[in-house]
Amino acid sequence: MSDYILRATAAGERIRAFAIRSTEMAEYARQRHNSSPVVTAALGRLLSAAAMMGVMMKGEKDVLTITMKGDGPIGSLTVTADSKGNVKGFADNPVVIIPPNYAGKLDVGAAIGYGELTVIKDMGLKEPYVSQVPLGTSEVAEDLTYYFAKSEQTPSAVALGVLMSPDNTVKQSGGFIVQLMPNVSDEIIEKLEKKLAQIPSVTDMMENGMGPEEILEDILGEFDLEINEKLDTKFYCGCSKEHIARALISMGKEELQKIIDDGEAITVNCHFCNTDYTYTVDEIKELLEFAKIKSAAKKIGIIGDIE
C-alpha cells in the first residue's frame, strides 16, 4: 500500500484534520541514510509531520523546512516539504545507539536533546516566515503541538509514531494533526479533548489494521467527519548532477580553479538523499568556463539568457 495523506473537516468546519500513512516514506529514509532505529523513529516522525504541514500550504511553489536542533547525539534533524506531498530529510548523525527509555521504547527525546525547533515557510514573499520555539520533550509530536499553539495560535493535537520490526526495518509509520478553528464551542472542545485522551498510540492503531480513514473516524466520527481530499505522499529528493553543478558554480571561479589545480576528481554528497555525485577535473573545467561566461553576462545585463 502506498503512503497517502487525508485532509478532513468536522463539526461544520470548526475542526480540521490531517492523517498520514508514511510507512514507505520512513523505510525509504532508513535505507537511504542507513539510520539506526532511534534515528529512523525520530526522522520518520518529523517527515510525517512535515508532509502534513506541507499540504496545509496553498501555493504550488511553497516550501516548508523544519529543523530540530538539540544537544543530543543526533545533532539536528532537517526536513523539507512542498504543498504536493513530497518530503525529504536527514539527520546530522544517522547512527545513534542509546538505551531505551523508562517505558522500554526508543528514546527519541534523549537522542535529540534540548534545543530549538525552527519552522521556515517560503511562500514566495519578500521574506520567508521563520519561527523558533524551544524543544520541550523532543519527542517531535509534543514539540509541534507547542509550535502550533505558540507561533500560529492554533490549538492542535499532533500524534506521530514509527514502529520498528525486529530486523530494524519500519513496520508502521503515521500520524495525525487535529486543529480547532476560530469560534469552536466549549462543548466541542471538551468532547474532543476527552476523545483524544482515550485513544491509543498511532502505531497501536495501525497495528490493529487502522489506516488514516479509520483513525480519523475514531477521533472525529461523532463530529460529522468529512474527508475532503486524499493526496499521495512520498520521500522525494529532486537533486541531480546538473542541480549540484549549479551549486558548484555558485562557489565562484577561484574555488573552482583550486579544484582544477589539485588535479583530482571531487565527490559531492546530497545530505537529503545521501547520493554521491562525482565530477572529473574536465567537468570542473567546463563549470569554470560557464562561471566565467555567466560572470561576464551578468556585468552586461544578459544573465537571463544563459541561466
Protein backbone atom coordinates (compact mmCIF):
# COMPACT_ATOMS: atom_id res chain seq x y z
CA MET A 1 0.00 0.00 0.00
CA SER A 2 1.36 3.43 -0.96
CA ASP A 3 1.60 6.27 1.51
CA TYR A 4 -1.04 8.98 1.50
CA ILE A 5 -2.46 11.94 3.40
CA LEU A 6 -6.10 12.65 4.17
CA ARG A 7 -7.43 16.19 4.55
CA ALA A 8 -10.68 16.39 6.51
CA THR A 9 -13.06 18.68 8.38
CA ALA A 10 -15.58 18.08 11.17
CA ALA A 11 -18.10 19.94 13.31
CA GLY A 12 -19.21 22.15 10.46
CA GLU A 13 -15.59 23.00 9.51
CA ARG A 14 -14.84 24.17 13.05
CA ILE A 15 -12.31 21.32 13.20
CA ARG A 16 -9.79 20.49 10.50
CA ALA A 17 -7.67 17.37 10.46
CA PHE A 18 -4.93 15.60 8.57
CA ALA A 19 -3.84 11.97 8.84
CA ILE A 20 -0.98 10.18 7.15
CA ARG A 21 0.26 6.71 6.40
CA SER A 22 4.04 7.11 5.96
CA THR A 23 5.46 3.60 6.32
CA GLU A 24 7.14 3.50 2.91
CA MET A 25 8.46 7.04 3.37
CA ALA A 26 10.09 6.25 6.70
CA GLU A 27 11.54 2.96 5.43
CA TYR A 28 12.95 4.66 2.32
CA ALA A 29 14.61 7.28 4.52
CA ARG A 30 16.06 4.49 6.69
CA GLN A 31 17.50 2.77 3.65
CA ARG A 32 18.96 5.93 2.12
CA HIS A 33 20.65 7.01 5.34
CA ASN A 34 21.29 3.55 6.84
CA SER A 35 19.94 5.01 10.07
CA SER A 36 19.75 3.31 13.44
CA PRO A 37 16.30 2.54 14.93
CA VAL A 38 16.09 5.59 17.20
CA VAL A 39 17.14 7.93 14.36
CA THR A 40 14.69 6.23 11.99
CA ALA A 41 11.93 6.82 14.53
CA ALA A 42 12.87 10.47 15.03
CA LEU A 43 13.26 11.23 11.33
CA GLY A 44 10.15 9.24 10.41
CA ARG A 45 8.04 11.23 12.85
CA LEU A 46 9.31 14.55 11.54
CA LEU A 47 8.88 13.50 7.91
CA SER A 48 5.26 12.55 8.64
CA ALA A 49 4.56 15.89 10.32
CA ALA A 50 6.28 17.90 7.59
CA ALA A 51 4.31 16.12 4.87
CA MET A 52 1.02 17.02 6.57
CA MET A 53 2.14 20.59 7.29
CA GLY A 54 3.33 20.93 3.71
CA VAL A 55 -0.09 20.22 2.24
CA MET A 56 -1.53 22.89 4.54
CA MET A 57 0.23 25.44 2.31
CA LYS A 58 -1.63 26.69 -0.75
CA GLY A 59 0.98 27.79 -3.29
CA GLU A 60 2.39 25.26 -5.77
CA LYS A 61 5.92 26.54 -5.15
CA ASP A 62 5.60 26.92 -1.36
CA VAL A 63 8.31 25.12 0.62
CA LEU A 64 8.31 24.21 4.31
CA THR A 65 11.51 23.47 6.26
CA ILE A 66 11.56 22.15 9.83
CA THR A 67 14.72 21.76 11.89
CA MET A 68 15.04 20.21 15.32
CA LYS A 69 18.47 21.07 16.70
CA GLY A 70 19.35 19.69 20.11
CA ASP A 71 22.29 18.80 22.31
CA GLY A 72 21.70 15.05 21.96
CA PRO A 73 23.79 12.67 19.84
CA ILE A 74 21.63 13.12 16.71
CA GLY A 75 22.73 16.77 16.49
CA SER A 76 19.88 18.02 14.33
CA LEU A 77 17.09 16.78 12.08
CA THR A 78 16.19 18.72 8.94
CA VAL A 79 13.20 18.06 6.69
CA THR A 80 11.63 19.97 3.82
CA ALA A 81 8.22 19.51 2.22
CA ASP A 82 6.19 21.06 -0.56
CA SER A 83 2.44 21.51 -0.95
CA LYS A 84 2.12 18.41 -3.15
CA GLY A 85 3.04 15.79 -0.54
CA ASN A 86 6.74 15.50 -1.36
CA VAL A 87 9.11 15.44 1.60
CA LYS A 88 12.77 14.71 2.28
CA GLY A 89 15.05 14.88 5.29
CA PHE A 90 18.20 13.81 7.07
CA ALA A 91 19.86 13.59 10.47
CA ASP A 92 23.31 15.02 11.19
CA ASN A 93 24.26 11.73 12.83
CA PRO A 94 22.18 8.87 11.37
CA VAL A 95 23.74 6.17 13.54
CA VAL A 96 22.89 6.73 17.21
CA ILE A 97 22.67 3.86 19.68
CA ILE A 98 21.29 4.71 23.12
CA PRO A 99 19.36 2.73 25.79
CA PRO A 100 15.54 2.65 25.62
CA ASN A 101 13.53 5.00 27.82
CA TYR A 102 11.80 4.08 31.09
CA ALA A 103 8.90 2.55 29.15
CA GLY A 104 11.21 0.35 27.08
CA LYS A 105 10.62 2.44 23.93
CA LEU A 106 13.09 4.09 21.57
CA ASP A 107 14.26 7.22 23.39
CA VAL A 108 13.81 9.83 20.66
CA GLY A 109 13.76 12.67 23.22
CA ALA A 110 17.19 11.78 24.59
CA ALA A 111 18.59 11.25 21.11
CA ILE A 112 17.59 14.77 20.07
CA GLY A 113 18.12 16.50 23.42
CA TYR A 114 17.31 20.06 24.46
CA GLY A 115 17.42 22.82 21.88
CA GLU A 116 15.20 24.61 19.37
CA LEU A 117 12.54 23.82 16.80
CA THR A 118 12.67 26.08 13.75
CA VAL A 119 9.93 26.29 11.12
CA ILE A 120 10.55 28.17 7.87
CA LYS A 121 7.81 28.72 5.30
CA ASP A 122 8.93 30.08 1.93
CA MET A 123 5.71 31.18 0.24
CA GLY A 124 7.21 33.38 -2.46
CA LEU A 125 7.00 36.55 -0.42
CA LYS A 126 9.84 39.04 0.02
CA GLU A 127 10.97 37.27 3.19
CA PRO A 128 10.16 33.73 4.37
CA TYR A 129 8.18 33.18 7.56
CA VAL A 130 10.52 31.98 10.31
CA SER A 131 9.52 30.86 13.80
CA GLN A 132 11.56 29.31 16.61
CA VAL A 133 10.35 27.67 19.80
CA PRO A 134 12.29 25.77 22.47
CA LEU A 135 12.14 21.99 22.40
CA GLY A 136 10.14 20.56 25.27
CA THR A 137 10.09 16.76 25.25
CA SER A 138 11.97 16.49 21.92
CA GLU A 139 9.62 13.62 21.08
CA VAL A 140 8.54 15.60 17.96
CA ALA A 141 4.73 15.49 18.26
CA GLU A 142 4.56 17.39 21.55
CA ASP A 143 7.03 19.99 20.27
CA LEU A 144 4.94 20.61 17.15
CA THR A 145 1.79 20.86 19.28
CA TYR A 146 3.55 23.63 21.22
CA TYR A 147 4.71 25.28 17.99
CA PHE A 148 1.15 25.47 16.61
CA ALA A 149 -0.15 27.00 19.85
CA LYS A 150 2.73 29.44 20.33
CA SER A 151 3.58 30.54 16.79
CA GLU A 152 0.36 30.03 14.82
CA GLN A 153 -2.12 30.48 17.69
CA THR A 154 -3.91 27.34 16.54
CA PRO A 155 -4.85 24.83 19.25
CA SER A 156 -3.74 21.48 17.83
CA ALA A 157 -3.29 17.85 18.75
CA VAL A 158 -0.34 16.20 16.99
CA ALA A 159 0.31 12.46 17.21
CA LEU A 160 3.12 10.68 15.39
CA GLY A 161 4.56 7.20 15.55
CA VAL A 162 7.12 4.88 13.97
CA LEU A 163 7.16 1.18 14.88
CA MET A 164 10.29 -0.82 14.06
CA SER A 165 10.38 -4.51 13.20
CA PRO A 166 12.83 -6.92 14.89
CA ASP A 167 15.03 -6.70 11.77
CA ASN A 168 15.15 -2.88 12.24
CA THR A 169 13.03 -2.10 9.19
CA VAL A 170 9.99 0.16 9.53
CA LYS A 171 6.82 -1.82 10.28
CA GLN A 172 4.39 1.07 10.77
CA SER A 173 4.63 4.84 10.45
CA GLY A 174 1.96 7.50 10.50
CA GLY A 175 0.25 10.25 12.44
CA PHE A 176 -2.43 12.90 12.57
CA ILE A 177 -2.92 16.60 13.23
CA VAL A 178 -6.27 17.82 14.54
CA GLN A 179 -6.80 21.58 14.80
CA LEU A 180 -9.52 23.80 16.24
CA MET A 181 -10.71 26.65 14.06
CA PRO A 182 -11.95 30.02 15.42
CA ASN A 183 -15.39 30.16 17.08
CA VAL A 184 -15.42 26.50 18.06
CA SER A 185 -17.68 25.92 21.05
CA ASP A 186 -16.52 24.90 24.51
CA GLU A 187 -18.74 21.83 24.25
CA ILE A 188 -16.91 20.60 21.14
CA ILE A 189 -13.53 21.32 22.73
CA GLU A 190 -14.45 19.35 25.84
CA LYS A 191 -15.72 16.36 23.85
CA LEU A 192 -12.67 16.34 21.59
CA GLU A 193 -10.21 16.58 24.48
CA LYS A 194 -11.95 13.66 26.17
CA LYS A 195 -11.79 11.59 23.00
CA LEU A 196 -8.11 12.35 22.36
CA ALA A 197 -7.26 11.35 25.93
CA GLN A 198 -8.77 7.91 25.36
CA ILE A 199 -7.25 6.86 22.04
CA PRO A 200 -4.25 4.51 21.86
CA SER A 201 -0.98 5.38 20.15
CA VAL A 202 -0.85 5.85 16.39
CA THR A 203 1.27 2.73 15.88
CA ASP A 204 -1.06 0.65 18.07
CA MET A 205 -4.00 1.75 15.92
CA MET A 206 -2.09 0.95 12.73
CA GLU A 207 -1.04 -2.44 14.10
CA ASN A 208 -4.75 -3.14 14.64
CA GLY A 209 -5.38 -2.57 10.95
CA MET A 210 -6.49 1.06 11.11
CA GLY A 211 -5.50 3.37 8.28
CA PRO A 212 -5.84 7.18 8.16
CA GLU A 213 -9.58 6.87 7.39
CA GLU A 214 -10.29 4.69 10.42
CA ILE A 215 -8.08 6.79 12.69
CA LEU A 216 -9.91 9.99 11.78
CA GLU A 217 -13.27 8.23 12.06
CA ASP A 218 -12.36 7.01 15.53
CA ILE A 219 -11.38 10.52 16.66
CA LEU A 220 -13.91 12.67 14.81
CA GLY A 221 -16.75 10.36 13.80
CA GLU A 222 -19.14 11.85 16.35
CA PHE A 223 -18.40 15.33 14.97
CA ASP A 224 -19.74 14.61 11.45
CA LEU A 225 -16.36 13.91 9.87
CA GLU A 226 -15.97 14.75 6.18
CA ILE A 227 -12.98 13.50 4.19
CA ASN A 228 -12.21 16.29 1.73
CA GLU A 229 -9.14 15.07 -0.12
CA LYS A 230 -6.71 12.16 -0.44
CA LEU A 231 -3.18 13.00 -1.58
CA ASP A 232 -0.22 10.81 -2.40
CA THR A 233 2.89 11.47 -0.32
CA LYS A 234 6.45 10.20 -0.64
CA PHE A 235 10.10 10.79 0.15
CA TYR A 236 11.33 12.70 -2.89
CA CYS A 237 14.63 14.48 -3.49
CA GLY A 238 14.95 16.46 -6.71
CA CYS A 239 18.73 16.50 -6.70
CA SER A 240 20.70 15.66 -9.84
CA LYS A 241 24.22 16.05 -11.17
CA GLU A 242 23.10 19.16 -13.04
CA HIS A 243 21.49 20.62 -9.92
CA ILE A 244 24.63 20.05 -7.84
CA ALA A 245 26.69 21.59 -10.66
CA ARG A 246 24.80 24.87 -10.18
CA ALA A 247 25.85 24.84 -6.54
CA LEU A 248 29.46 24.27 -7.55
CA ILE A 249 29.32 27.18 -9.99
CA SER A 250 28.00 29.39 -7.20
CA MET A 251 31.23 28.71 -5.29
CA GLY A 252 32.98 31.13 -7.64
CA LYS A 253 35.82 30.99 -10.14
CA GLU A 254 38.62 30.97 -7.58
CA GLU A 255 37.31 27.92 -5.73
CA LEU A 256 36.72 26.04 -8.98
CA GLN A 257 40.25 26.85 -10.11
CA LYS A 258 41.64 25.46 -6.84
CA ILE A 259 39.85 22.16 -7.50
CA ILE A 260 41.32 22.06 -11.00
CA ASP A 261 44.80 22.84 -9.69
CA ASP A 262 44.53 19.92 -7.25
CA GLY A 263 44.12 17.67 -10.26
CA GLU A 264 41.70 15.22 -8.68
CA ALA A 265 38.01 14.44 -9.14
CA ILE A 266 35.69 15.59 -6.37
CA THR A 267 32.62 13.93 -4.89
CA VAL A 268 29.68 15.95 -3.57
CA ASN A 269 27.07 14.36 -1.30
CA CYS A 270 23.38 15.33 -1.17
CA HIS A 271 22.53 15.34 2.54
CA PHE A 272 18.83 14.78 1.94
CA CYS A 273 19.02 11.52 -0.02
CA ASN A 274 22.66 10.56 0.65
CA THR A 275 23.51 10.35 -3.06
CA ASP A 276 27.09 10.98 -4.19
CA TYR A 277 27.90 12.89 -7.39
CA THR A 278 31.43 12.75 -8.78
CA TYR A 279 32.91 15.43 -11.06
CA THR A 280 36.09 14.88 -13.03
CA VAL A 281 38.67 17.62 -13.48
CA ASP A 282 37.49 18.09 -17.07
CA GLU A 283 33.91 18.56 -15.85
CA ILE A 284 35.10 21.14 -13.32
CA LYS A 285 36.91 22.94 -16.14
CA GLU A 286 33.63 23.11 -18.07
CA LEU A 287 31.91 24.53 -14.99
CA LEU A 288 34.66 27.13 -14.63
CA GLU A 289 34.20 28.23 -18.24
CA PHE A 290 30.46 28.53 -17.67
CA ALA A 291 31.09 30.52 -14.49
CA LYS A 292 33.28 32.93 -16.46
CA ILE A 293 30.63 33.36 -19.15
CA LYS A 294 27.94 33.83 -16.53
CA SER A 295 30.02 36.46 -14.73
CA ALA A 296 30.61 38.36 -17.96
CA ALA A 297 26.96 38.16 -18.93
CA LYS A 298 25.91 39.48 -15.54
CA LYS A 299 28.11 42.51 -15.99
CA ILE A 300 26.39 43.48 -19.25
CA GLY A 301 22.90 42.59 -18.09
CA ILE A 302 22.10 39.46 -20.14
CA ILE A 303 22.28 36.88 -17.38
CA GLY A 304 18.72 35.75 -18.01
CA ASP A 305 19.65 34.43 -21.46
CA ILE A 306 22.14 31.84 -20.18
CA GLU A 307 20.55 30.58 -16.97
